ModelCIF file with pLDDT and N, C-alpha, C, O atoms, coordinates in Angstrom:
data_MODEL
#
_entry.id   MODEL 
#
_entity.id                         1 
_entity.type                       polymer 
_entity.pdbx_number_of_molecules   1 
#
_entity_poly.entity_id                      1 
_entity_poly.type                           'polypeptide(L)' 
_entity_poly.nstd_linkage                   no 
_entity_poly.nstd_monomer                   no 
_entity_poly.pdbx_seq_one_letter_code       RQAPGKEREFVSAISQSGGRTYYQESVKGRFTISRDNSKATVY 
_entity_poly.pdbx_seq_one_letter_code_can   RQAPGKEREFVSAISQSGGRTYYQESVKGRFTISRDNSKATVY 
_entity_poly.pdbx_strand_id                 A 
#
loop_
_entity_poly_seq.entity_id 
_entity_poly_seq.num 
_entity_poly_seq.mon_id 
_entity_poly_seq.hetero 
1 1  ARG n 
1 2  GLN n 
1 3  ALA n 
1 4  PRO n 
1 5  GLY n 
1 6  LYS n 
1 7  GLU n 
1 8  ARG n 
1 9  GLU n 
1 10 PHE n 
1 11 VAL n 
1 12 SER n 
1 13 ALA n 
1 14 ILE n 
1 15 SER n 
1 16 GLN n 
1 17 SER n 
1 18 GLY n 
1 19 GLY n 
1 20 ARG n 
1 21 THR n 
1 22 TYR n 
1 23 TYR n 
1 24 GLN n 
1 25 GLU n 
1 26 SER n 
1 27 VAL n 
1 28 LYS n 
1 29 GLY n 
1 30 ARG n 
1 31 PHE n 
1 32 THR n 
1 33 ILE n 
1 34 SER n 
1 35 ARG n 
1 36 ASP n 
1 37 ASN n 
1 38 SER n 
1 39 LYS n 
1 40 ALA n 
1 41 THR n 
1 42 VAL n 
1 43 TYR n 
#
_struct_asym.id          A 
_struct_asym.entity_id   1 
#
loop_
_ma_qa_metric.id 
_ma_qa_metric.mode 
_ma_qa_metric.name 
_ma_qa_metric.software_group_id 
_ma_qa_metric.type 
1 global pLDDT . pLDDT 
2 local  pLDDT . pLDDT 
#
_ma_qa_metric_global.metric_id      1 
_ma_qa_metric_global.metric_value   96.42 
_ma_qa_metric_global.model_id       1 
_ma_qa_metric_global.ordinal_id     1 
#
loop_
_ma_qa_metric_local.label_asym_id 
_ma_qa_metric_local.label_comp_id 
_ma_qa_metric_local.label_seq_id 
_ma_qa_metric_local.metric_id 
_ma_qa_metric_local.metric_value 
_ma_qa_metric_local.model_id 
_ma_qa_metric_local.ordinal_id 
A ARG 1  2 98.00 1 1  
A GLN 2  2 98.00 1 2  
A ALA 3  2 98.00 1 3  
A PRO 4  2 95.00 1 4  
A GLY 5  2 96.00 1 5  
A LYS 6  2 97.00 1 6  
A GLU 7  2 97.00 1 7  
A ARG 8  2 98.00 1 8  
A GLU 9  2 98.00 1 9  
A PHE 10 2 98.00 1 10 
A VAL 11 2 98.00 1 11 
A SER 12 2 98.00 1 12 
A ALA 13 2 98.00 1 13 
A ILE 14 2 97.00 1 14 
A SER 15 2 97.00 1 15 
A GLN 16 2 93.00 1 16 
A SER 17 2 92.00 1 17 
A GLY 18 2 94.00 1 18 
A GLY 19 2 95.00 1 19 
A ARG 20 2 97.00 1 20 
A THR 21 2 98.00 1 21 
A TYR 22 2 98.00 1 22 
A TYR 23 2 98.00 1 23 
A GLN 24 2 98.00 1 24 
A GLU 25 2 98.00 1 25 
A SER 26 2 98.00 1 26 
A VAL 27 2 98.00 1 27 
A LYS 28 2 98.00 1 28 
A GLY 29 2 98.00 1 29 
A ARG 30 2 98.00 1 30 
A PHE 31 2 98.00 1 31 
A THR 32 2 98.00 1 32 
A ILE 33 2 98.00 1 33 
A SER 34 2 97.00 1 34 
A ARG 35 2 96.00 1 35 
A ASP 36 2 94.00 1 36 
A ASN 37 2 90.00 1 37 
A SER 38 2 91.00 1 38 
A LYS 39 2 92.00 1 39 
A ALA 40 2 91.00 1 40 
A THR 41 2 95.00 1 41 
A VAL 42 2 96.00 1 42 
A TYR 43 2 98.00 1 43 
#
loop_
_atom_site.group_PDB 
_atom_site.id 
_atom_site.type_symbol 
_atom_site.label_atom_id 
_atom_site.label_alt_id 
_atom_site.label_comp_id 
_atom_site.label_asym_id 
_atom_site.label_entity_id 
_atom_site.label_seq_id 
_atom_site.pdbx_PDB_ins_code 
_atom_site.Cartn_x 
_atom_site.Cartn_y 
_atom_site.Cartn_z 
_atom_site.occupancy 
_atom_site.B_iso_or_equiv 
_atom_site.pdbx_formal_charge 
_atom_site.auth_seq_id 
_atom_site.auth_comp_id 
_atom_site.auth_asym_id 
_atom_site.auth_atom_id 
_atom_site.pdbx_PDB_model_num 
ATOM 1   N N  . ARG A 1 1  ? -23.991 -11.875 -5.453  1.00 98.00 ? 1  ARG A N  1 
ATOM 2   C CA . ARG A 1 1  ? -24.302 -10.609 -5.840  1.00 98.00 ? 1  ARG A CA 1 
ATOM 3   C C  . ARG A 1 1  ? -26.046 -11.524 -5.176  1.00 98.00 ? 1  ARG A C  1 
ATOM 4   O O  . ARG A 1 1  ? -26.637 -12.592 -5.019  1.00 98.00 ? 1  ARG A O  1 
ATOM 5   N N  . GLN A 1 2  ? -26.101 -9.803  -5.001  1.00 98.00 ? 2  GLN A N  1 
ATOM 6   C CA . GLN A 1 2  ? -27.978 -9.719  -4.095  1.00 98.00 ? 2  GLN A CA 1 
ATOM 7   C C  . GLN A 1 2  ? -28.371 -8.681  -4.842  1.00 98.00 ? 2  GLN A C  1 
ATOM 8   O O  . GLN A 1 2  ? -27.568 -7.827  -5.217  1.00 98.00 ? 2  GLN A O  1 
ATOM 9   N N  . ALA A 1 3  ? -29.464 -8.655  -5.093  1.00 98.00 ? 3  ALA A N  1 
ATOM 10  C CA . ALA A 1 3  ? -30.633 -7.837  -6.173  1.00 98.00 ? 3  ALA A CA 1 
ATOM 11  C C  . ALA A 1 3  ? -31.415 -7.308  -5.368  1.00 98.00 ? 3  ALA A C  1 
ATOM 12  O O  . ALA A 1 3  ? -31.806 -7.990  -4.421  1.00 98.00 ? 3  ALA A O  1 
ATOM 13  N N  . PRO A 1 4  ? -31.737 -6.333  -5.475  1.00 95.00 ? 4  PRO A N  1 
ATOM 14  C CA . PRO A 1 4  ? -32.960 -5.301  -4.402  1.00 95.00 ? 4  PRO A CA 1 
ATOM 15  C C  . PRO A 1 4  ? -34.148 -6.405  -4.116  1.00 95.00 ? 4  PRO A C  1 
ATOM 16  O O  . PRO A 1 4  ? -34.727 -6.952  -5.054  1.00 95.00 ? 4  PRO A O  1 
ATOM 17  N N  . GLY A 1 5  ? -34.525 -6.741  -2.460  1.00 96.00 ? 5  GLY A N  1 
ATOM 18  C CA . GLY A 1 5  ? -35.773 -7.632  -2.332  1.00 96.00 ? 5  GLY A CA 1 
ATOM 19  C C  . GLY A 1 5  ? -34.832 -9.180  -2.736  1.00 96.00 ? 5  GLY A C  1 
ATOM 20  O O  . GLY A 1 5  ? -35.561 -10.026 -2.218  1.00 96.00 ? 5  GLY A O  1 
ATOM 21  N N  . LYS A 1 6  ? -34.119 -9.641  -3.113  1.00 97.00 ? 6  LYS A N  1 
ATOM 22  C CA . LYS A 1 6  ? -33.828 -10.482 -3.663  1.00 97.00 ? 6  LYS A CA 1 
ATOM 23  C C  . LYS A 1 6  ? -32.516 -11.384 -2.341  1.00 97.00 ? 6  LYS A C  1 
ATOM 24  O O  . LYS A 1 6  ? -31.653 -10.754 -1.728  1.00 97.00 ? 6  LYS A O  1 
ATOM 25  N N  . GLU A 1 7  ? -32.696 -12.576 -2.247  1.00 97.00 ? 7  GLU A N  1 
ATOM 26  C CA . GLU A 1 7  ? -32.174 -12.949 -1.382  1.00 97.00 ? 7  GLU A CA 1 
ATOM 27  C C  . GLU A 1 7  ? -29.765 -13.310 -1.675  1.00 97.00 ? 7  GLU A C  1 
ATOM 28  O O  . GLU A 1 7  ? -29.385 -13.497 -2.831  1.00 97.00 ? 7  GLU A O  1 
ATOM 29  N N  . ARG A 1 8  ? -29.046 -13.316 -0.894  1.00 98.00 ? 8  ARG A N  1 
ATOM 30  C CA . ARG A 1 8  ? -27.944 -13.278 -1.678  1.00 98.00 ? 8  ARG A CA 1 
ATOM 31  C C  . ARG A 1 8  ? -27.566 -14.677 -2.632  1.00 98.00 ? 8  ARG A C  1 
ATOM 32  O O  . ARG A 1 8  ? -28.053 -15.743 -2.255  1.00 98.00 ? 8  ARG A O  1 
ATOM 33  N N  . GLU A 1 9  ? -26.505 -14.661 -4.141  1.00 98.00 ? 9  GLU A N  1 
ATOM 34  C CA . GLU A 1 9  ? -26.630 -15.864 -4.602  1.00 98.00 ? 9  GLU A CA 1 
ATOM 35  C C  . GLU A 1 9  ? -25.469 -15.789 -5.327  1.00 98.00 ? 9  GLU A C  1 
ATOM 36  O O  . GLU A 1 9  ? -24.922 -14.791 -5.794  1.00 98.00 ? 9  GLU A O  1 
ATOM 37  N N  . PHE A 1 10 ? -25.119 -17.041 -5.381  1.00 98.00 ? 10 PHE A N  1 
ATOM 38  C CA . PHE A 1 10 ? -23.671 -17.720 -6.274  1.00 98.00 ? 10 PHE A CA 1 
ATOM 39  C C  . PHE A 1 10 ? -23.638 -17.093 -7.257  1.00 98.00 ? 10 PHE A C  1 
ATOM 40  O O  . PHE A 1 10 ? -24.774 -16.741 -7.572  1.00 98.00 ? 10 PHE A O  1 
ATOM 41  N N  . VAL A 1 11 ? -22.689 -16.673 -8.105  1.00 98.00 ? 11 VAL A N  1 
ATOM 42  C CA . VAL A 1 11 ? -21.798 -16.393 -9.611  1.00 98.00 ? 11 VAL A CA 1 
ATOM 43  C C  . VAL A 1 11 ? -21.366 -17.045 -9.717  1.00 98.00 ? 11 VAL A C  1 
ATOM 44  O O  . VAL A 1 11 ? -21.924 -17.922 -10.376 1.00 98.00 ? 11 VAL A O  1 
ATOM 45  N N  . SER A 1 12 ? -19.620 -17.406 -9.093  1.00 98.00 ? 12 SER A N  1 
ATOM 46  C CA . SER A 1 12 ? -19.056 -18.030 -9.101  1.00 98.00 ? 12 SER A CA 1 
ATOM 47  C C  . SER A 1 12 ? -17.965 -18.072 -8.088  1.00 98.00 ? 12 SER A C  1 
ATOM 48  O O  . SER A 1 12 ? -17.762 -17.390 -7.084  1.00 98.00 ? 12 SER A O  1 
ATOM 49  N N  . ALA A 1 13 ? -16.970 -19.598 -8.924  1.00 98.00 ? 13 ALA A N  1 
ATOM 50  C CA . ALA A 1 13 ? -16.221 -19.466 -7.372  1.00 98.00 ? 13 ALA A CA 1 
ATOM 51  C C  . ALA A 1 13 ? -14.604 -20.047 -7.914  1.00 98.00 ? 13 ALA A C  1 
ATOM 52  O O  . ALA A 1 13 ? -14.189 -19.869 -9.059  1.00 98.00 ? 13 ALA A O  1 
ATOM 53  N N  . ILE A 1 14 ? -14.116 -20.502 -7.220  1.00 97.00 ? 14 ILE A N  1 
ATOM 54  C CA . ILE A 1 14 ? -12.152 -20.614 -7.740  1.00 97.00 ? 14 ILE A CA 1 
ATOM 55  C C  . ILE A 1 14 ? -11.718 -21.065 -6.676  1.00 97.00 ? 14 ILE A C  1 
ATOM 56  O O  . ILE A 1 14 ? -11.784 -20.406 -5.638  1.00 97.00 ? 14 ILE A O  1 
ATOM 57  N N  . SER A 1 15 ? -11.039 -22.619 -6.745  1.00 97.00 ? 15 SER A N  1 
ATOM 58  C CA . SER A 1 15 ? -10.678 -23.351 -5.750  1.00 97.00 ? 15 SER A CA 1 
ATOM 59  C C  . SER A 1 15 ? -9.136  -22.542 -5.488  1.00 97.00 ? 15 SER A C  1 
ATOM 60  O O  . SER A 1 15 ? -9.119  -21.789 -6.463  1.00 97.00 ? 15 SER A O  1 
ATOM 61  N N  . GLN A 1 16 ? -7.867  -22.284 -4.737  1.00 93.00 ? 16 GLN A N  1 
ATOM 62  C CA . GLN A 1 16 ? -6.620  -21.947 -4.634  1.00 93.00 ? 16 GLN A CA 1 
ATOM 63  C C  . GLN A 1 16 ? -6.227  -21.664 -5.236  1.00 93.00 ? 16 GLN A C  1 
ATOM 64  O O  . GLN A 1 16 ? -6.269  -20.463 -5.501  1.00 93.00 ? 16 GLN A O  1 
ATOM 65  N N  . SER A 1 17 ? -5.548  -22.503 -5.923  1.00 92.00 ? 17 SER A N  1 
ATOM 66  C CA . SER A 1 17 ? -4.759  -22.563 -6.882  1.00 92.00 ? 17 SER A CA 1 
ATOM 67  C C  . SER A 1 17 ? -5.153  -22.406 -8.304  1.00 92.00 ? 17 SER A C  1 
ATOM 68  O O  . SER A 1 17 ? -4.232  -22.301 -9.114  1.00 92.00 ? 17 SER A O  1 
ATOM 69  N N  . GLY A 1 18 ? -5.934  -22.385 -8.581  1.00 94.00 ? 18 GLY A N  1 
ATOM 70  C CA . GLY A 1 18 ? -6.726  -21.336 -9.701  1.00 94.00 ? 18 GLY A CA 1 
ATOM 71  C C  . GLY A 1 18 ? -7.522  -22.865 -11.008 1.00 94.00 ? 18 GLY A C  1 
ATOM 72  O O  . GLY A 1 18 ? -8.041  -22.743 -12.118 1.00 94.00 ? 18 GLY A O  1 
ATOM 73  N N  . GLY A 1 19 ? -7.274  -24.011 -10.232 1.00 95.00 ? 19 GLY A N  1 
ATOM 74  C CA . GLY A 1 19 ? -6.789  -25.242 -10.758 1.00 95.00 ? 19 GLY A CA 1 
ATOM 75  C C  . GLY A 1 19 ? -8.302  -25.598 -10.957 1.00 95.00 ? 19 GLY A C  1 
ATOM 76  O O  . GLY A 1 19 ? -8.390  -26.355 -11.924 1.00 95.00 ? 19 GLY A O  1 
ATOM 77  N N  . ARG A 1 20 ? -9.826  -25.268 -10.264 1.00 97.00 ? 20 ARG A N  1 
ATOM 78  C CA . ARG A 1 20 ? -10.666 -24.938 -10.329 1.00 97.00 ? 20 ARG A CA 1 
ATOM 79  C C  . ARG A 1 20 ? -12.020 -24.407 -10.559 1.00 97.00 ? 20 ARG A C  1 
ATOM 80  O O  . ARG A 1 20 ? -11.881 -23.294 -10.053 1.00 97.00 ? 20 ARG A O  1 
ATOM 81  N N  . THR A 1 21 ? -13.186 -24.447 -10.961 1.00 98.00 ? 21 THR A N  1 
ATOM 82  C CA . THR A 1 21 ? -13.698 -22.938 -11.679 1.00 98.00 ? 21 THR A CA 1 
ATOM 83  C C  . THR A 1 21 ? -15.161 -23.574 -11.295 1.00 98.00 ? 21 THR A C  1 
ATOM 84  O O  . THR A 1 21 ? -15.278 -24.704 -11.770 1.00 98.00 ? 21 THR A O  1 
ATOM 85  N N  . TYR A 1 22 ? -16.329 -23.121 -10.539 1.00 98.00 ? 22 TYR A N  1 
ATOM 86  C CA . TYR A 1 22 ? -17.547 -23.131 -11.157 1.00 98.00 ? 22 TYR A CA 1 
ATOM 87  C C  . TYR A 1 22 ? -18.467 -22.201 -11.354 1.00 98.00 ? 22 TYR A C  1 
ATOM 88  O O  . TYR A 1 22 ? -17.995 -21.107 -11.667 1.00 98.00 ? 22 TYR A O  1 
ATOM 89  N N  . TYR A 1 23 ? -19.612 -22.262 -11.279 1.00 98.00 ? 23 TYR A N  1 
ATOM 90  C CA . TYR A 1 23 ? -20.766 -20.910 -12.040 1.00 98.00 ? 23 TYR A CA 1 
ATOM 91  C C  . TYR A 1 23 ? -21.851 -20.997 -12.118 1.00 98.00 ? 23 TYR A C  1 
ATOM 92  O O  . TYR A 1 23 ? -22.168 -22.062 -12.649 1.00 98.00 ? 23 TYR A O  1 
ATOM 93  N N  . GLN A 1 24 ? -22.885 -20.224 -11.773 1.00 98.00 ? 24 GLN A N  1 
ATOM 94  C CA . GLN A 1 24 ? -24.282 -20.509 -11.577 1.00 98.00 ? 24 GLN A CA 1 
ATOM 95  C C  . GLN A 1 24 ? -23.912 -20.840 -12.915 1.00 98.00 ? 24 GLN A C  1 
ATOM 96  O O  . GLN A 1 24 ? -22.868 -20.585 -13.516 1.00 98.00 ? 24 GLN A O  1 
ATOM 97  N N  . GLU A 1 25 ? -25.585 -21.836 -13.521 1.00 98.00 ? 25 GLU A N  1 
ATOM 98  C CA . GLU A 1 25 ? -26.017 -21.853 -15.069 1.00 98.00 ? 25 GLU A CA 1 
ATOM 99  C C  . GLU A 1 25 ? -26.193 -20.615 -15.508 1.00 98.00 ? 25 GLU A C  1 
ATOM 100 O O  . GLU A 1 25 ? -25.892 -20.408 -16.684 1.00 98.00 ? 25 GLU A O  1 
ATOM 101 N N  . SER A 1 26 ? -26.635 -19.668 -14.821 1.00 98.00 ? 26 SER A N  1 
ATOM 102 C CA . SER A 1 26 ? -27.201 -18.451 -15.945 1.00 98.00 ? 26 SER A CA 1 
ATOM 103 C C  . SER A 1 26 ? -26.051 -17.580 -16.165 1.00 98.00 ? 26 SER A C  1 
ATOM 104 O O  . SER A 1 26 ? -26.311 -16.570 -16.818 1.00 98.00 ? 26 SER A O  1 
ATOM 105 N N  . VAL A 1 27 ? -25.000 -17.704 -15.830 1.00 98.00 ? 27 VAL A N  1 
ATOM 106 C CA . VAL A 1 27 ? -23.249 -16.635 -15.985 1.00 98.00 ? 27 VAL A CA 1 
ATOM 107 C C  . VAL A 1 27 ? -22.859 -17.464 -16.742 1.00 98.00 ? 27 VAL A C  1 
ATOM 108 O O  . VAL A 1 27 ? -22.255 -17.068 -17.739 1.00 98.00 ? 27 VAL A O  1 
ATOM 109 N N  . LYS A 1 28 ? -23.113 -19.254 -16.492 1.00 98.00 ? 28 LYS A N  1 
ATOM 110 C CA . LYS A 1 28 ? -21.893 -20.089 -17.779 1.00 98.00 ? 28 LYS A CA 1 
ATOM 111 C C  . LYS A 1 28 ? -21.791 -19.073 -19.276 1.00 98.00 ? 28 LYS A C  1 
ATOM 112 O O  . LYS A 1 28 ? -22.473 -18.339 -19.991 1.00 98.00 ? 28 LYS A O  1 
ATOM 113 N N  . GLY A 1 29 ? -21.043 -19.384 -19.195 1.00 98.00 ? 29 GLY A N  1 
ATOM 114 C CA . GLY A 1 29 ? -20.201 -18.953 -21.405 1.00 98.00 ? 29 GLY A CA 1 
ATOM 115 C C  . GLY A 1 29 ? -20.370 -17.135 -20.977 1.00 98.00 ? 29 GLY A C  1 
ATOM 116 O O  . GLY A 1 29 ? -20.811 -16.855 -22.091 1.00 98.00 ? 29 GLY A O  1 
ATOM 117 N N  . ARG A 1 30 ? -20.364 -16.453 -20.615 1.00 98.00 ? 30 ARG A N  1 
ATOM 118 C CA . ARG A 1 30 ? -20.483 -15.420 -20.326 1.00 98.00 ? 30 ARG A CA 1 
ATOM 119 C C  . ARG A 1 30 ? -19.865 -14.568 -19.112 1.00 98.00 ? 30 ARG A C  1 
ATOM 120 O O  . ARG A 1 30 ? -19.601 -13.404 -19.412 1.00 98.00 ? 30 ARG A O  1 
ATOM 121 N N  . PHE A 1 31 ? -19.477 -15.119 -17.232 1.00 98.00 ? 31 PHE A N  1 
ATOM 122 C CA . PHE A 1 31 ? -18.703 -14.731 -16.780 1.00 98.00 ? 31 PHE A CA 1 
ATOM 123 C C  . PHE A 1 31 ? -17.392 -15.630 -16.452 1.00 98.00 ? 31 PHE A C  1 
ATOM 124 O O  . PHE A 1 31 ? -17.493 -16.824 -16.169 1.00 98.00 ? 31 PHE A O  1 
ATOM 125 N N  . THR A 1 32 ? -16.252 -15.000 -16.512 1.00 98.00 ? 32 THR A N  1 
ATOM 126 C CA . THR A 1 32 ? -15.271 -15.807 -16.189 1.00 98.00 ? 32 THR A CA 1 
ATOM 127 C C  . THR A 1 32 ? -14.550 -15.591 -14.525 1.00 98.00 ? 32 THR A C  1 
ATOM 128 O O  . THR A 1 32 ? -14.784 -14.584 -13.857 1.00 98.00 ? 32 THR A O  1 
ATOM 129 N N  . ILE A 1 33 ? -13.892 -16.431 -14.170 1.00 98.00 ? 33 ILE A N  1 
ATOM 130 C CA . ILE A 1 33 ? -13.325 -15.818 -12.582 1.00 98.00 ? 33 ILE A CA 1 
ATOM 131 C C  . ILE A 1 33 ? -12.072 -16.626 -12.681 1.00 98.00 ? 33 ILE A C  1 
ATOM 132 O O  . ILE A 1 33 ? -12.065 -17.807 -13.029 1.00 98.00 ? 33 ILE A O  1 
ATOM 133 N N  . SER A 1 34 ? -11.142 -16.018 -12.397 1.00 97.00 ? 34 SER A N  1 
ATOM 134 C CA . SER A 1 34 ? -9.490  -16.083 -12.267 1.00 97.00 ? 34 SER A CA 1 
ATOM 135 C C  . SER A 1 34 ? -8.670  -15.334 -10.903 1.00 97.00 ? 34 SER A C  1 
ATOM 136 O O  . SER A 1 34 ? -8.924  -14.221 -10.444 1.00 97.00 ? 34 SER A O  1 
ATOM 137 N N  . ARG A 1 35 ? -7.940  -16.010 -10.566 1.00 96.00 ? 35 ARG A N  1 
ATOM 138 C CA . ARG A 1 35 ? -7.034  -14.869 -9.524  1.00 96.00 ? 35 ARG A CA 1 
ATOM 139 C C  . ARG A 1 35 ? -6.139  -15.001 -9.932  1.00 96.00 ? 35 ARG A C  1 
ATOM 140 O O  . ARG A 1 35 ? -6.067  -15.724 -10.926 1.00 96.00 ? 35 ARG A O  1 
ATOM 141 N N  . ASP A 1 36 ? -4.996  -14.404 -9.422  1.00 94.00 ? 36 ASP A N  1 
ATOM 142 C CA . ASP A 1 36 ? -3.575  -14.198 -9.144  1.00 94.00 ? 36 ASP A CA 1 
ATOM 143 C C  . ASP A 1 36 ? -3.097  -14.288 -7.845  1.00 94.00 ? 36 ASP A C  1 
ATOM 144 O O  . ASP A 1 36 ? -3.218  -13.189 -7.305  1.00 94.00 ? 36 ASP A O  1 
ATOM 145 N N  . ASN A 1 37 ? -2.793  -14.802 -7.387  1.00 90.00 ? 37 ASN A N  1 
ATOM 146 C CA . ASN A 1 37 ? -1.857  -15.138 -6.507  1.00 90.00 ? 37 ASN A CA 1 
ATOM 147 C C  . ASN A 1 37 ? -0.733  -14.147 -5.507  1.00 90.00 ? 37 ASN A C  1 
ATOM 148 O O  . ASN A 1 37 ? -0.649  -13.921 -4.300  1.00 90.00 ? 37 ASN A O  1 
ATOM 149 N N  . SER A 1 38 ? 0.109   -13.686 -6.830  1.00 91.00 ? 38 SER A N  1 
ATOM 150 C CA . SER A 1 38 ? 0.458   -13.756 -6.277  1.00 91.00 ? 38 SER A CA 1 
ATOM 151 C C  . SER A 1 38 ? 0.344   -11.721 -6.240  1.00 91.00 ? 38 SER A C  1 
ATOM 152 O O  . SER A 1 38 ? 1.257   -11.078 -5.722  1.00 91.00 ? 38 SER A O  1 
ATOM 153 N N  . LYS A 1 39 ? -0.815  -11.065 -6.826  1.00 92.00 ? 39 LYS A N  1 
ATOM 154 C CA . LYS A 1 39 ? -1.481  -10.152 -6.254  1.00 92.00 ? 39 LYS A CA 1 
ATOM 155 C C  . LYS A 1 39 ? -2.733  -10.097 -5.102  1.00 92.00 ? 39 LYS A C  1 
ATOM 156 O O  . LYS A 1 39 ? -3.540  -9.268  -4.682  1.00 92.00 ? 39 LYS A O  1 
ATOM 157 N N  . ALA A 1 40 ? -2.393  -11.427 -4.881  1.00 91.00 ? 40 ALA A N  1 
ATOM 158 C CA . ALA A 1 40 ? -3.442  -11.127 -3.660  1.00 91.00 ? 40 ALA A CA 1 
ATOM 159 C C  . ALA A 1 40 ? -5.441  -10.601 -3.978  1.00 91.00 ? 40 ALA A C  1 
ATOM 160 O O  . ALA A 1 40 ? -6.288  -9.968  -3.347  1.00 91.00 ? 40 ALA A O  1 
ATOM 161 N N  . THR A 1 41 ? -5.364  -11.493 -5.595  1.00 95.00 ? 41 THR A N  1 
ATOM 162 C CA . THR A 1 41 ? -6.721  -10.135 -6.508  1.00 95.00 ? 41 THR A CA 1 
ATOM 163 C C  . THR A 1 41 ? -7.509  -11.885 -7.245  1.00 95.00 ? 41 THR A C  1 
ATOM 164 O O  . THR A 1 41 ? -6.924  -12.697 -7.961  1.00 95.00 ? 41 THR A O  1 
ATOM 165 N N  . VAL A 1 42 ? -8.503  -11.933 -6.883  1.00 96.00 ? 42 VAL A N  1 
ATOM 166 C CA . VAL A 1 42 ? -9.630  -12.534 -7.933  1.00 96.00 ? 42 VAL A CA 1 
ATOM 167 C C  . VAL A 1 42 ? -10.305 -11.623 -8.809  1.00 96.00 ? 42 VAL A C  1 
ATOM 168 O O  . VAL A 1 42 ? -10.615 -10.477 -8.486  1.00 96.00 ? 42 VAL A O  1 
ATOM 169 N N  . TYR A 1 43 ? -10.519 -12.130 -9.878  1.00 98.00 ? 43 TYR A N  1 
ATOM 170 C CA . TYR A 1 43 ? -11.356 -11.399 -10.951 1.00 98.00 ? 43 TYR A CA 1 
ATOM 171 C C  . TYR A 1 43 ? -12.447 -12.008 -11.310 1.00 98.00 ? 43 TYR A C  1 
ATOM 172 O O  . TYR A 1 43 ? -13.184 -11.507 -12.159 1.00 98.00 ? 43 TYR A O  1 
#
């Protein structure tokens, strides 16, 4: 994500299979990343 006047920053990431997920500390417990490869979509 990138807010006005700020550099782009990491929020979350997910491995190809969805087996591993990662979050920026400020969003842990609030955001959830997931993916559905059958739909070629990440949420």
